[in-house]
Amino acid sequence: QVQLVESGGGLVQPGGSLRLSCAASGFRMSSNWMYWVRQAPGKGLEWVSTINAGLTLYSDSVKGRFTISRDDAKNTLYLQMNSLKPEDTALYYCARSRAGSGRGQGTQVTVSS
């Protein structure tokens, strides 16, 4: 059974950092493009970042602040988020497509003072 389980979210002050994790089961991440997407309150899904082999891509809104990575031995995807802003507040998902297909239950990130 293919499953993605996100964790690591929380409440953080502006300028703070968080590291999100996404554990995969039922397939090998190393053989797939993997994505982080997010959904802010009242808004649609927004693509955040992509990784495949040595390629990483970021949306303009997070470029230079977020870093996507993958541990193939642990079959786990990560998103290191630095210099967080209130507008980064959202439910974050890892997914198997840019549109968010196959995503897990998500992990909430709230950036507020």
PDB file of N, CA and C in Angstrom:
ATOM      1  N   GLN A   1       0.846  -1.193   0.000  1.00  0.00           N
ATOM      2  CA  GLN A   1       0.000   0.000   0.000  1.00  0.00           C
ATOM      3  C   GLN A   1       0.883   1.245   0.000  1.00  0.00           C
ATOM      4  N   VAL A   2       0.649   2.125  -0.968  1.00  0.00           N
ATOM      5  CA  VAL A   2       1.416   3.358  -1.071  1.00  0.00           C
ATOM      6  C   VAL A   2       0.905   4.350  -0.030  1.00  0.00           C
ATOM      7  N   GLN A   3       1.820   4.892   0.752  1.00  0.00           N
ATOM      8  CA  GLN A   3       1.435   5.825   1.793  1.00  0.00           C
ATOM      9  C   GLN A   3       2.521   6.864   2.005  1.00  0.00           C
ATOM     10  N   LEU A   4       2.093   8.099   2.272  1.00  0.00           N
ATOM     11  CA  LEU A   4       2.990   9.198   2.624  1.00  0.00           C
ATOM     12  C   LEU A   4       2.517   9.770   3.955  1.00  0.00           C
ATOM     13  N   VAL A   5       3.432   9.936   4.878  1.00  0.00           N
ATOM     14  CA  VAL A   5       3.087  10.456   6.200  1.00  0.00           C
ATOM     15  C   VAL A   5       3.998  11.634   6.519  1.00  0.00           C
ATOM     16  N   GLU A   6       3.385  12.821   6.604  1.00  0.00           N
ATOM     17  CA  GLU A   6       4.136  14.040   6.885  1.00  0.00           C
ATOM     18  C   GLU A   6       4.190  14.303   8.387  1.00  0.00           C
ATOM     19  N   SER A   7       5.263  14.966   8.825  1.00  0.00           N
ATOM     20  CA  SER A   7       5.406  15.348  10.229  1.00  0.00           C
ATOM     21  C   SER A   7       6.357  16.534  10.328  1.00  0.00           C
ATOM     22  N   GLY A   8       6.430  17.123  11.528  1.00  0.00           N
ATOM     23  CA  GLY A   8       7.401  18.183  11.775  1.00  0.00           C
ATOM     24  C   GLY A   8       6.839  19.589  11.801  1.00  0.00           C
ATOM     25  N   GLY A   9       5.555  19.737  11.520  1.00  0.00           N
ATOM     26  CA  GLY A   9       4.965  21.068  11.556  1.00  0.00           C
ATOM     27  C   GLY A   9       4.818  21.581  12.977  1.00  0.00           C
ATOM     28  N   GLY A  10       4.372  22.836  13.086  1.00  0.00           N
ATOM     29  CA  GLY A  10       4.182  23.422  14.395  1.00  0.00           C
ATOM     30  C   GLY A  10       3.990  24.914  14.309  1.00  0.00           C
ATOM     31  N   LEU A  11       4.021  25.553  15.476  1.00  0.00           N
ATOM     32  CA  LEU A  11       3.897  27.004  15.581  1.00  0.00           C
ATOM     33  C   LEU A  11       5.290  27.594  15.735  1.00  0.00           C
ATOM     34  N   VAL A  12       5.622  28.572  14.911  1.00  0.00           N
ATOM     35  CA  VAL A  12       6.939  29.191  14.953  1.00  0.00           C
ATOM     36  C   VAL A  12       6.792  30.693  14.735  1.00  0.00           C
ATOM     37  N   GLN A  13       7.691  31.449  15.333  1.00  0.00           N
ATOM     38  CA  GLN A  13       7.659  32.897  15.148  1.00  0.00           C
ATOM     39  C   GLN A  13       8.244  33.283  13.787  1.00  0.00           C
ATOM     40  N   PRO A  14       7.851  34.427  13.258  1.00  0.00           N
ATOM     41  CA  PRO A  14       8.467  34.903  12.007  1.00  0.00           C
ATOM     42  C   PRO A  14       9.981  34.941  12.135  1.00  0.00           C
ATOM     43  N   GLY A  15      10.646  34.480  11.074  1.00  0.00           N
ATOM     44  CA  GLY A  15      12.097  34.384  11.086  1.00  0.00           C
ATOM     45  C   GLY A  15      12.627  33.057  11.578  1.00  0.00           C
ATOM     46  N   GLY A  16      11.754  32.226  12.113  1.00  0.00           N
ATOM     47  CA  GLY A  16      12.166  30.936  12.647  1.00  0.00           C
ATOM     48  C   GLY A  16      12.309  29.871  11.579  1.00  0.00           C
ATOM     49  N   SER A  17      12.614  28.654  12.046  1.00  0.00           N
ATOM     50  CA  SER A  17      12.864  27.525  11.144  1.00  0.00           C
ATOM     51  C   SER A  17      12.092  26.298  11.592  1.00  0.00           C
ATOM     52  N   LEU A  18      11.783  25.460  10.634  1.00  0.00           N
ATOM     53  CA  LEU A  18      11.199  24.149  10.877  1.00  0.00           C
ATOM     54  C   LEU A  18      11.729  23.194   9.824  1.00  0.00           C
ATOM     55  N   ARG A  19      11.775  21.906  10.168  1.00  0.00           N
ATOM     56  CA  ARG A  19      12.101  20.881   9.180  1.00  0.00           C
ATOM     57  C   ARG A  19      10.959  19.883   9.114  1.00  0.00           C
ATOM     58  N   LEU A  20      10.368  19.796   7.946  1.00  0.00           N
ATOM     59  CA  LEU A  20       9.295  18.833   7.723  1.00  0.00           C
ATOM     60  C   LEU A  20       9.871  17.528   7.197  1.00  0.00           C
ATOM     61  N   SER A  21       9.228  16.428   7.560  1.00  0.00           N
ATOM     62  CA  SER A  21       9.617  15.110   7.076  1.00  0.00           C
ATOM     63  C   SER A  21       8.413  14.435   6.429  1.00  0.00           C
ATOM     64  N   CYS A  22       8.705  13.549   5.496  1.00  0.00           N
ATOM     65  CA  CYS A  22       7.656  12.772   4.840  1.00  0.00           C
ATOM     66  C   CYS A  22       8.172  11.359   4.643  1.00  0.00           C
ATOM     67  N   ALA A  23       7.608  10.427   5.378  1.00  0.00           N
ATOM     68  CA  ALA A  23       8.015   9.033   5.289  1.00  0.00           C
ATOM     69  C   ALA A  23       7.141   8.312   4.268  1.00  0.00           C
ATOM     70  N   ALA A  24       7.783   7.606   3.352  1.00  0.00           N
ATOM     71  CA  ALA A  24       7.058   6.896   2.300  1.00  0.00           C
ATOM     72  C   ALA A  24       7.086   5.399   2.555  1.00  0.00           C
ATOM     73  N   SER A  25       6.010   4.744   2.175  1.00  0.00           N
ATOM     74  CA  SER A  25       5.958   3.284   2.214  1.00  0.00           C
ATOM     75  C   SER A  25       5.225   2.799   0.971  1.00  0.00           C
ATOM     76  N   GLY A  26       5.571   1.603   0.527  1.00  0.00           N
ATOM     77  CA  GLY A  26       4.907   1.017  -0.628  1.00  0.00           C
ATOM     78  C   GLY A  26       5.544   1.363  -1.961  1.00  0.00           C
ATOM     79  N   PHE A  27       6.536   2.247  -1.979  1.00  0.00           N
ATOM     80  CA  PHE A  27       7.255   2.579  -3.212  1.00  0.00           C
ATOM     81  C   PHE A  27       8.574   3.233  -2.813  1.00  0.00           C
ATOM     82  N   ARG A  28       9.487   3.303  -3.754  1.00  0.00           N
ATOM     83  CA  ARG A  28      10.785   3.908  -3.500  1.00  0.00           C
ATOM     84  C   ARG A  28      10.791   5.340  -4.013  1.00  0.00           C
ATOM     85  N   MET A  29      11.038   6.285  -3.104  1.00  0.00           N
ATOM     86  CA  MET A  29      11.119   7.697  -3.491  1.00  0.00           C
ATOM     87  C   MET A  29      12.219   7.922  -4.507  1.00  0.00           C
ATOM     88  N   SER A  30      13.293   7.169  -4.412  1.00  0.00           N
ATOM     89  CA  SER A  30      14.445   7.400  -5.273  1.00  0.00           C
ATOM     90  C   SER A  30      14.104   7.187  -6.746  1.00  0.00           C
ATOM     91  N   SER A  31      13.012   6.483  -7.022  1.00  0.00           N
ATOM     92  CA  SER A  31      12.607   6.210  -8.402  1.00  0.00           C
ATOM     93  C   SER A  31      11.538   7.168  -8.905  1.00  0.00           C
ATOM     94  N   ASN A  32      11.228   8.179  -8.101  1.00  0.00           N
ATOM     95  CA  ASN A  32      10.113   9.069  -8.421  1.00  0.00           C
ATOM     96  C   ASN A  32      10.474  10.534  -8.238  1.00  0.00           C
ATOM     97  N   TRP A  33       9.819  11.379  -9.029  1.00  0.00           N
ATOM     98  CA  TRP A  33       9.810  12.800  -8.716  1.00  0.00           C
ATOM     99  C   TRP A  33       8.971  12.940  -7.443  1.00  0.00           C
ATOM    100  N   MET A  34       9.416  13.760  -6.524  1.00  0.00           N
ATOM    101  CA  MET A  34       8.673  14.006  -5.295  1.00  0.00           C
ATOM    102  C   MET A  34       8.473  15.509  -5.112  1.00  0.00           C
ATOM    103  N   TYR A  35       7.380  15.855  -4.458  1.00  0.00           N
ATOM    104  CA  TYR A  35       6.960  17.248  -4.385  1.00  0.00           C
ATOM    105  C   TYR A  35       6.527  17.613  -2.966  1.00  0.00           C
ATOM    106  N   TRP A  36       6.708  18.856  -2.632  1.00  0.00           N
ATOM    107  CA  TRP A  36       6.031  19.473  -1.490  1.00  0.00           C
ATOM    108  C   TRP A  36       5.035  20.480  -2.062  1.00  0.00           C
ATOM    109  N   VAL A  37       3.815  20.420  -1.548  1.00  0.00           N
ATOM    110  CA  VAL A  37       2.790  21.394  -1.891  1.00  0.00           C
ATOM    111  C   VAL A  37       2.176  21.883  -0.588  1.00  0.00           C
ATOM    112  N   ARG A  38       1.478  22.994  -0.627  1.00  0.00           N
ATOM    113  CA  ARG A  38       0.863  23.514   0.579  1.00  0.00           C
ATOM    114  C   ARG A  38      -0.491  24.122   0.274  1.00  0.00           C
ATOM    115  N   GLN A  39      -1.297  24.250   1.301  1.00  0.00           N
ATOM    116  CA  GLN A  39      -2.618  24.853   1.162  1.00  0.00           C
ATOM    117  C   GLN A  39      -2.857  25.785   2.325  1.00  0.00           C
ATOM    118  N   ALA A  40      -2.902  27.067   2.022  1.00  0.00           N
ATOM    119  CA  ALA A  40      -3.187  28.071   3.035  1.00  0.00           C
ATOM    120  C   ALA A  40      -4.698  28.125   3.281  1.00  0.00           C
ATOM    121  N   PRO A  41      -5.101  28.632   4.425  1.00  0.00           N
ATOM    122  CA  PRO A  41      -6.540  28.707   4.741  1.00  0.00           C
ATOM    123  C   PRO A  41      -7.321  29.429   3.646  1.00  0.00           C
ATOM    124  N   GLY A  42      -8.354  28.792   3.134  1.00  0.00           N
ATOM    125  CA  GLY A  42      -9.217  29.411   2.139  1.00  0.00           C
ATOM    126  C   GLY A  42      -8.649  29.480   0.739  1.00  0.00           C
ATOM    127  N   LYS A  43      -7.495  28.836   0.507  1.00  0.00           N
ATOM    128  CA  LYS A  43      -6.855  28.894  -0.812  1.00  0.00           C
ATOM    129  C   LYS A  43      -6.657  27.498  -1.381  1.00  0.00           C
ATOM    130  N   GLY A  44      -6.292  27.427  -2.649  1.00  0.00           N
ATOM    131  CA  GLY A  44      -6.038  26.151  -3.291  1.00  0.00           C
ATOM    132  C   GLY A  44      -4.644  25.644  -3.020  1.00  0.00           C
ATOM    133  N   LEU A  45      -4.344  24.458  -3.549  1.00  0.00           N
ATOM    134  CA  LEU A  45      -3.019  23.881  -3.401  1.00  0.00           C
ATOM    135  C   LEU A  45      -1.995  24.709  -4.166  1.00  0.00           C
ATOM    136  N   GLU A  46      -0.844  24.918  -3.541  1.00  0.00           N
ATOM    137  CA  GLU A  46       0.245  25.670  -4.149  1.00  0.00           C
ATOM    138  C   GLU A  46       1.486  24.791  -4.181  1.00  0.00           C
ATOM    139  N   TRP A  47       2.095  24.660  -5.334  1.00  0.00           N
ATOM    140  CA  TRP A  47       3.361  23.924  -5.447  1.00  0.00           C
ATOM    141  C   TRP A  47       4.461  24.697  -4.729  1.00  0.00           C
ATOM    142  N   VAL A  48       5.303  23.968  -3.982  1.00  0.00           N
ATOM    143  CA  VAL A  48       6.391  24.586  -3.220  1.00  0.00           C
ATOM    144  C   VAL A  48       7.758  24.166  -3.769  1.00  0.00           C
ATOM    145  N   SER A  49       7.961  22.852  -3.940  1.00  0.00           N
ATOM    146  CA  SER A  49       9.292  22.382  -4.310  1.00  0.00           C
ATOM    147  C   SER A  49       9.214  20.984  -4.899  1.00  0.00           C
ATOM    148  N   THR A  50      10.259  20.643  -5.675  1.00  0.00           N
ATOM    149  CA  THR A  50      10.346  19.360  -6.364  1.00  0.00           C
ATOM    150  C   THR A  50      11.764  18.838  -6.272  1.00  0.00           C
ATOM    151  N   ILE A  51      11.894  17.514  -6.191  1.00  0.00           N
ATOM    152  CA  ILE A  51      13.211  16.897  -6.233  1.00  0.00           C
ATOM    153  C   ILE A  51      13.160  15.627  -7.073  1.00  0.00           C
ATOM    154  N   ASN A  52      14.229  15.432  -7.840  1.00  0.00           N
ATOM    155  CA  ASN A  52      14.405  14.173  -8.560  1.00  0.00           C
ATOM    156  C   ASN A  52      15.879  14.030  -8.869  1.00  0.00           C
ATOM    157  N   ALA A  53      16.468  12.953  -8.413  1.00  0.00           N
ATOM    158  CA  ALA A  53      17.903  12.734  -8.588  1.00  0.00           C
ATOM    159  C   ALA A  53      18.628  13.983  -8.084  1.00  0.00           C
ATOM    160  N   GLY A  54      19.419  14.631  -8.912  1.00  0.00           N
ATOM    161  CA  GLY A  54      20.164  15.799  -8.473  1.00  0.00           C
ATOM    162  C   GLY A  54      19.481  17.112  -8.738  1.00  0.00           C
ATOM    163  N   LEU A  55      18.237  17.064  -9.202  1.00  0.00           N
ATOM    164  CA  LEU A  55      17.525  18.283  -9.569  1.00  0.00           C
ATOM    165  C   LEU A  55      16.602  18.721  -8.442  1.00  0.00           C
ATOM    166  N   THR A  56      16.674  20.006  -8.077  1.00  0.00           N
ATOM    167  CA  THR A  56      15.737  20.585  -7.117  1.00  0.00           C
ATOM    168  C   THR A  56      15.162  21.868  -7.711  1.00  0.00           C
ATOM    169  N   LEU A  57      13.879  22.074  -7.485  1.00  0.00           N
ATOM    170  CA  LEU A  57      13.182  23.247  -7.994  1.00  0.00           C
ATOM    171  C   LEU A  57      12.360  23.868  -6.871  1.00  0.00           C
ATOM    172  N   TYR A  58      12.199  25.191  -6.930  1.00  0.00           N
ATOM    173  CA  TYR A  58      11.463  25.899  -5.885  1.00  0.00           C
ATOM    174  C   TYR A  58      10.562  26.960  -6.502  1.00  0.00           C
ATOM    175  N   SER A  59       9.438  27.187  -5.844  1.00  0.00           N
ATOM    176  CA  SER A  59       8.613  28.309  -6.244  1.00  0.00           C
ATOM    177  C   SER A  59       9.327  29.602  -5.874  1.00  0.00           C
ATOM    178  N   ASP A  60       8.983  30.675  -6.564  1.00  0.00           N
ATOM    179  CA  ASP A  60       9.633  31.955  -6.290  1.00  0.00           C
ATOM    180  C   ASP A  60       9.385  32.411  -4.850  1.00  0.00           C
ATOM    181  N   SER A  61       8.250  32.028  -4.295  1.00  0.00           N
ATOM    182  CA  SER A  61       7.899  32.496  -2.953  1.00  0.00           C
ATOM    183  C   SER A  61       8.764  31.872  -1.855  1.00  0.00           C
ATOM    184  N   VAL A  62       9.437  30.757  -2.139  1.00  0.00           N
ATOM    185  CA  VAL A  62      10.248  30.096  -1.097  1.00  0.00           C
ATOM    186  C   VAL A  62      11.716  29.974  -1.487  1.00  0.00           C
ATOM    187  N   LYS A  63      12.056  30.320  -2.711  1.00  0.00           N
ATOM    188  CA  LYS A  63      13.436  30.171  -3.192  1.00  0.00           C
ATOM    189  C   LYS A  63      14.390  30.955  -2.293  1.00  0.00           C
ATOM    190  N   GLY A  64      15.470  30.296  -1.922  1.00  0.00           N
ATOM    191  CA  GLY A  64      16.455  30.921  -1.053  1.00  0.00           C
ATOM    192  C   GLY A  64      16.175  30.755   0.427  1.00  0.00           C
ATOM    193  N   ARG A  65      14.983  30.284   0.776  1.00  0.00           N
ATOM    194  CA  ARG A  65      14.623  30.087   2.187  1.00  0.00           C
ATOM    195  C   ARG A  65      14.368  28.618   2.511  1.00  0.00           C
ATOM    196  N   PHE A  66      13.854  27.872   1.563  1.00  0.00           N
ATOM    197  CA  PHE A  66      13.511  26.461   1.778  1.00  0.00           C
ATOM    198  C   PHE A  66      14.510  25.578   1.024  1.00  0.00           C
ATOM    199  N   THR A  67      14.758  24.398   1.571  1.00  0.00           N
ATOM    200  CA  THR A  67      15.625  23.414   0.930  1.00  0.00           C
ATOM    201  C   THR A  67      14.962  22.047   0.982  1.00  0.00           C
ATOM    202  N   ILE A  68      14.799  21.438  -0.179  1.00  0.00           N
ATOM    203  CA  ILE A  68      14.240  20.096  -0.266  1.00  0.00           C
ATOM    204  C   ILE A  68      15.386  19.086  -0.338  1.00  0.00           C
ATOM    205  N   SER A  69      15.196  17.957   0.322  1.00  0.00           N
ATOM    206  CA  SER A  69      16.212  16.900   0.264  1.00  0.00           C
ATOM    207  C   SER A  69      15.536  15.560   0.484  1.00  0.00           C
ATOM    208  N   ARG A  70      16.337  14.504   0.297  1.00  0.00           N
ATOM    209  CA  ARG A  70      15.775  13.160   0.380  1.00  0.00           C
ATOM    210  C   ARG A  70      16.826  12.230   0.930  1.00  0.00           C
ATOM    211  N   ASP A  71      16.428  11.338   1.820  1.00  0.00           N
ATOM    212  CA  ASP A  71      17.307  10.286   2.333  1.00  0.00           C
ATOM    213  C   ASP A  71      16.794   8.974   1.755  1.00  0.00           C
ATOM    214  N   ASP A  72      17.482   8.471   0.747  1.00  0.00           N
ATOM    215  CA  ASP A  72      16.995   7.272   0.071  1.00  0.00           C
ATOM    216  C   ASP A  72      17.046   6.037   0.984  1.00  0.00           C
ATOM    217  N   ALA A  73      18.014   5.981   1.861  1.00  0.00           N
ATOM    218  CA  ALA A  73      18.114   4.842   2.770  1.00  0.00           C
ATOM    219  C   ALA A  73      16.908   4.777   3.712  1.00  0.00           C
ATOM    220  N   LYS A  74      16.413   5.957   4.105  1.00  0.00           N
ATOM    221  CA  LYS A  74      15.253   6.015   5.007  1.00  0.00           C
ATOM    222  C   LYS A  74      13.953   6.161   4.239  1.00  0.00           C
ATOM    223  N   ASN A  75      14.036   6.324   2.920  1.00  0.00           N
ATOM    224  CA  ASN A  75      12.857   6.533   2.082  1.00  0.00           C
ATOM    225  C   ASN A  75      12.019   7.703   2.610  1.00  0.00           C
ATOM    226  N   THR A  76      12.719   8.791   2.919  1.00  0.00           N
ATOM    227  CA  THR A  76      12.097   9.946   3.562  1.00  0.00           C
ATOM    228  C   THR A  76      12.468  11.221   2.824  1.00  0.00           C
ATOM    229  N   LEU A  77      11.486  12.091   2.677  1.00  0.00           N
ATOM    230  CA  LEU A  77      11.641  13.395   2.039  1.00  0.00           C
ATOM    231  C   LEU A  77      11.636  14.461   3.126  1.00  0.00           C
ATOM    232  N   TYR A  78      12.413  15.513   2.914  1.00  0.00           N
ATOM    233  CA  TYR A  78      12.502  16.591   3.898  1.00  0.00           C
ATOM    234  C   TYR A  78      12.263  17.948   3.232  1.00  0.00           C
ATOM    235  N   LEU A  79      11.848  18.894   4.058  1.00  0.00           N
ATOM    236  CA  LEU A  79      11.783  20.289   3.637  1.00  0.00           C
ATOM    237  C   LEU A  79      12.288  21.139   4.795  1.00  0.00           C
ATOM    238  N   GLN A  80      13.486  21.671   4.639  1.00  0.00           N
ATOM    239  CA  GLN A  80      14.044  22.591   5.632  1.00  0.00           C
ATOM    240  C   GLN A  80      13.542  23.988   5.301  1.00  0.00           C
ATOM    241  N   MET A  81      12.869  24.595   6.252  1.00  0.00           N
ATOM    242  CA  MET A  81      12.264  25.908   6.039  1.00  0.00           C
ATOM    243  C   MET A  81      12.896  26.910   6.987  1.00  0.00           C
ATOM    244  N   ASN A  82      13.565  27.898   6.437  1.00  0.00           N
ATOM    245  CA  ASN A  82      14.211  28.955   7.215  1.00  0.00           C
ATOM    246  C   ASN A  82      13.565  30.297   6.903  1.00  0.00           C
ATOM    247  N   SER A  83      13.839  31.264   7.762  1.00  0.00           N
ATOM    248  CA  SER A  83      13.321  32.627   7.566  1.00  0.00           C
ATOM    249  C   SER A  83      11.826  32.615   7.276  1.00  0.00           C
ATOM    250  N   LEU A  84      11.103  31.882   8.093  1.00  0.00           N
ATOM    251  CA  LEU A  84       9.674  31.712   7.854  1.00  0.00           C
ATOM    252  C   LEU A  84       8.916  33.028   8.006  1.00  0.00           C
ATOM    253  N   LYS A  85       7.877  33.165   7.175  1.00  0.00           N
ATOM    254  CA  LYS A  85       7.041  34.363   7.144  1.00  0.00           C
ATOM    255  C   LYS A  85       5.595  33.973   7.466  1.00  0.00           C
ATOM    256  N   PRO A  86       4.803  34.916   7.929  1.00  0.00           N
ATOM    257  CA  PRO A  86       3.387  34.594   8.201  1.00  0.00           C
ATOM    258  C   PRO A  86       2.677  34.017   6.979  1.00  0.00           C
ATOM    259  N   GLU A  87       3.065  34.456   5.790  1.00  0.00           N
ATOM    260  CA  GLU A  87       2.424  33.942   4.575  1.00  0.00           C
ATOM    261  C   GLU A  87       2.818  32.511   4.246  1.00  0.00           C
ATOM    262  N   ASP A  88       3.747  31.930   4.985  1.00  0.00           N
ATOM    263  CA  ASP A  88       4.074  30.516   4.831  1.00  0.00           C
ATOM    264  C   ASP A  88       3.111  29.619   5.619  1.00  0.00           C
ATOM    265  N   THR A  89       2.234  30.229   6.407  1.00  0.00           N
ATOM    266  CA  THR A  89       1.261  29.460   7.170  1.00  0.00           C
ATOM    267  C   THR A  89       0.371  28.654   6.233  1.00  0.00           C
ATOM    268  N   ALA A  90       0.351  27.343   6.432  1.00  0.00           N
ATOM    269  CA  ALA A  90      -0.399  26.457   5.535  1.00  0.00           C
ATOM    270  C   ALA A  90      -0.321  25.024   6.048  1.00  0.00           C
ATOM    271  N   LEU A  91      -1.128  24.189   5.446  1.00  0.00           N
ATOM    272  CA  LEU A  91      -1.016  22.744   5.626  1.00  0.00           C
ATOM    273  C   LEU A  91      -0.081  22.244   4.535  1.00  0.00           C
ATOM    274  N   TYR A  92       1.008  21.615   4.940  1.00  0.00           N
ATOM    275  CA  TYR A  92       2.028  21.172   3.996  1.00  0.00           C
ATOM    276  C   TYR A  92       1.897  19.668   3.747  1.00  0.00           C
ATOM    277  N   TYR A  93       1.970  19.326   2.467  1.00  0.00           N
ATOM    278  CA  TYR A  93       1.867  17.938   2.046  1.00  0.00           C
ATOM    279  C   TYR A  93       3.069  17.549   1.197  1.00  0.00           C
ATOM    280  N   CYS A  94       3.497  16.293   1.328  1.00  0.00           N
ATOM    281  CA  CYS A  94       4.358  15.747   0.292  1.00  0.00           C
ATOM    282  C   CYS A  94       3.461  14.972  -0.670  1.00  0.00           C
ATOM    283  N   ALA A  95       3.876  14.901  -1.913  1.00  0.00           N
ATOM    284  CA  ALA A  95       3.003  14.338  -2.934  1.00  0.00           C
ATOM    285  C   ALA A  95       3.823  13.742  -4.066  1.00  0.00           C
ATOM    286  N   ARG A  96       3.136  13.008  -4.926  1.00  0.00           N
ATOM    287  CA  ARG A  96       3.795  12.354  -6.036  1.00  0.00           C
ATOM    288  C   ARG A  96       3.567  13.086  -7.351  1.00  0.00           C
ATOM    289  N   SER A  97       2.925  14.237  -7.259  1.00  0.00           N
ATOM    290  CA  SER A  97       2.787  15.088  -8.433  1.00  0.00           C
ATOM    291  C   SER A  97       2.682  16.533  -7.998  1.00  0.00           C
ATOM    292  N   ARG A  98       2.913  17.432  -8.937  1.00  0.00           N
ATOM    293  CA  ARG A  98       2.825  18.861  -8.644  1.00  0.00           C
ATOM    294  C   ARG A  98       1.403  19.244  -8.254  1.00  0.00           C
ATOM    295  N   ALA A  99       0.435  18.494  -8.736  1.00  0.00           N
ATOM    296  CA  ALA A  99      -0.964  18.776  -8.402  1.00  0.00           C
ATOM    297  C   ALA A  99      -1.369  18.192  -7.054  1.00  0.00           C
ATOM    298  N   GLY A 100      -0.459  17.490  -6.422  1.00  0.00           N
ATOM    299  CA  GLY A 100      -0.741  16.994  -5.085  1.00  0.00           C
ATOM    300  C   GLY A 100      -1.306  15.596  -5.006  1.00  0.00           C
ATOM    301  N   SER A 101      -1.255  14.856  -6.111  1.00  0.00           N
ATOM    302  CA  SER A 101      -1.839  13.521  -6.079  1.00  0.00           C
ATOM    303  C   SER A 101      -1.060  12.600  -5.137  1.00  0.00           C
ATOM    304  N   GLY A 102      -1.777  11.720  -4.477  1.00  0.00           N
ATOM    305  CA  GLY A 102      -1.156  10.762  -3.582  1.00  0.00           C
ATOM    306  C   GLY A 102      -0.621  11.360  -2.296  1.00  0.00           C
ATOM    307  N   ARG A 103      -1.000  12.580  -1.991  1.00  0.00           N
ATOM    308  CA  ARG A 103      -0.452  13.243  -0.805  1.00  0.00           C
ATOM    309  C   ARG A 103      -0.954  12.602   0.475  1.00  0.00           C
ATOM    310  N   GLY A 104      -0.205  12.852   1.553  1.00  0.00           N
ATOM    311  CA  GLY A 104      -0.593  12.326   2.847  1.00  0.00           C
ATOM    312  C   GLY A 104      -1.610  13.218   3.516  1.00  0.00           C
ATOM    313  N   GLN A 105      -1.662  13.122   4.858  1.00  0.00           N
ATOM    314  CA  GLN A 105      -2.654  13.892   5.610  1.00  0.00           C
ATOM    315  C   GLN A 105      -2.207  15.325   5.870  1.00  0.00           C
ATOM    316  N   GLY A 106      -0.928  15.588   5.648  1.00  0.00           N
ATOM    317  CA  GLY A 106      -0.406  16.932   5.817  1.00  0.00           C
ATOM    318  C   GLY A 106       0.078  17.218   7.226  1.00  0.00           C
ATOM    319  N   THR A 107       0.882  18.264   7.344  1.00  0.00           N
ATOM    320  CA  THR A 107       1.359  18.737   8.641  1.00  0.00           C
ATOM    321  C   THR A 107       1.199  20.252   8.658  1.00  0.00           C
ATOM    322  N   GLN A 108       0.624  20.769   9.745  1.00  0.00           N
ATOM    323  CA  GLN A 108       0.287  22.197   9.819  1.00  0.00           C
ATOM    324  C   GLN A 108       1.504  23.018  10.225  1.00  0.00           C
ATOM    325  N   VAL A 109       1.751  24.073   9.481  1.00  0.00           N
ATOM    326  CA  VAL A 109       2.780  25.047   9.811  1.00  0.00           C
ATOM    327  C   VAL A 109       2.090  26.388  10.040  1.00  0.00           C
ATOM    328  N   THR A 110       2.304  26.957  11.225  1.00  0.00           N
ATOM    329  CA  THR A 110       1.734  28.253  11.562  1.00  0.00           C
ATOM    330  C   THR A 110       2.862  29.202  11.953  1.00  0.00           C
ATOM    331  N   VAL A 111       2.966  30.304  11.233  1.00  0.00           N
ATOM    332  CA  VAL A 111       4.005  31.293  11.498  1.00  0.00           C
ATOM    333  C   VAL A 111       3.319  32.540  12.047  1.00  0.00           C
ATOM    334  N   SER A 112       3.548  32.781  13.327  1.00  0.00           N
ATOM    335  CA  SER A 112       2.857  33.882  13.987  1.00  0.00           C
ATOM    336  C   SER A 112       3.627  34.308  15.223  1.00  0.00           C
ATOM    337  N   SER A 113       3.553  35.598  15.514  1.00  0.00           N
ATOM    338  CA  SER A 113       4.174  36.098  16.748  1.00  0.00           C
ATOM    339  C   SER A 113       3.152  36.116  17.881  1.00  0.00           C
TER     340      SER A 113
END
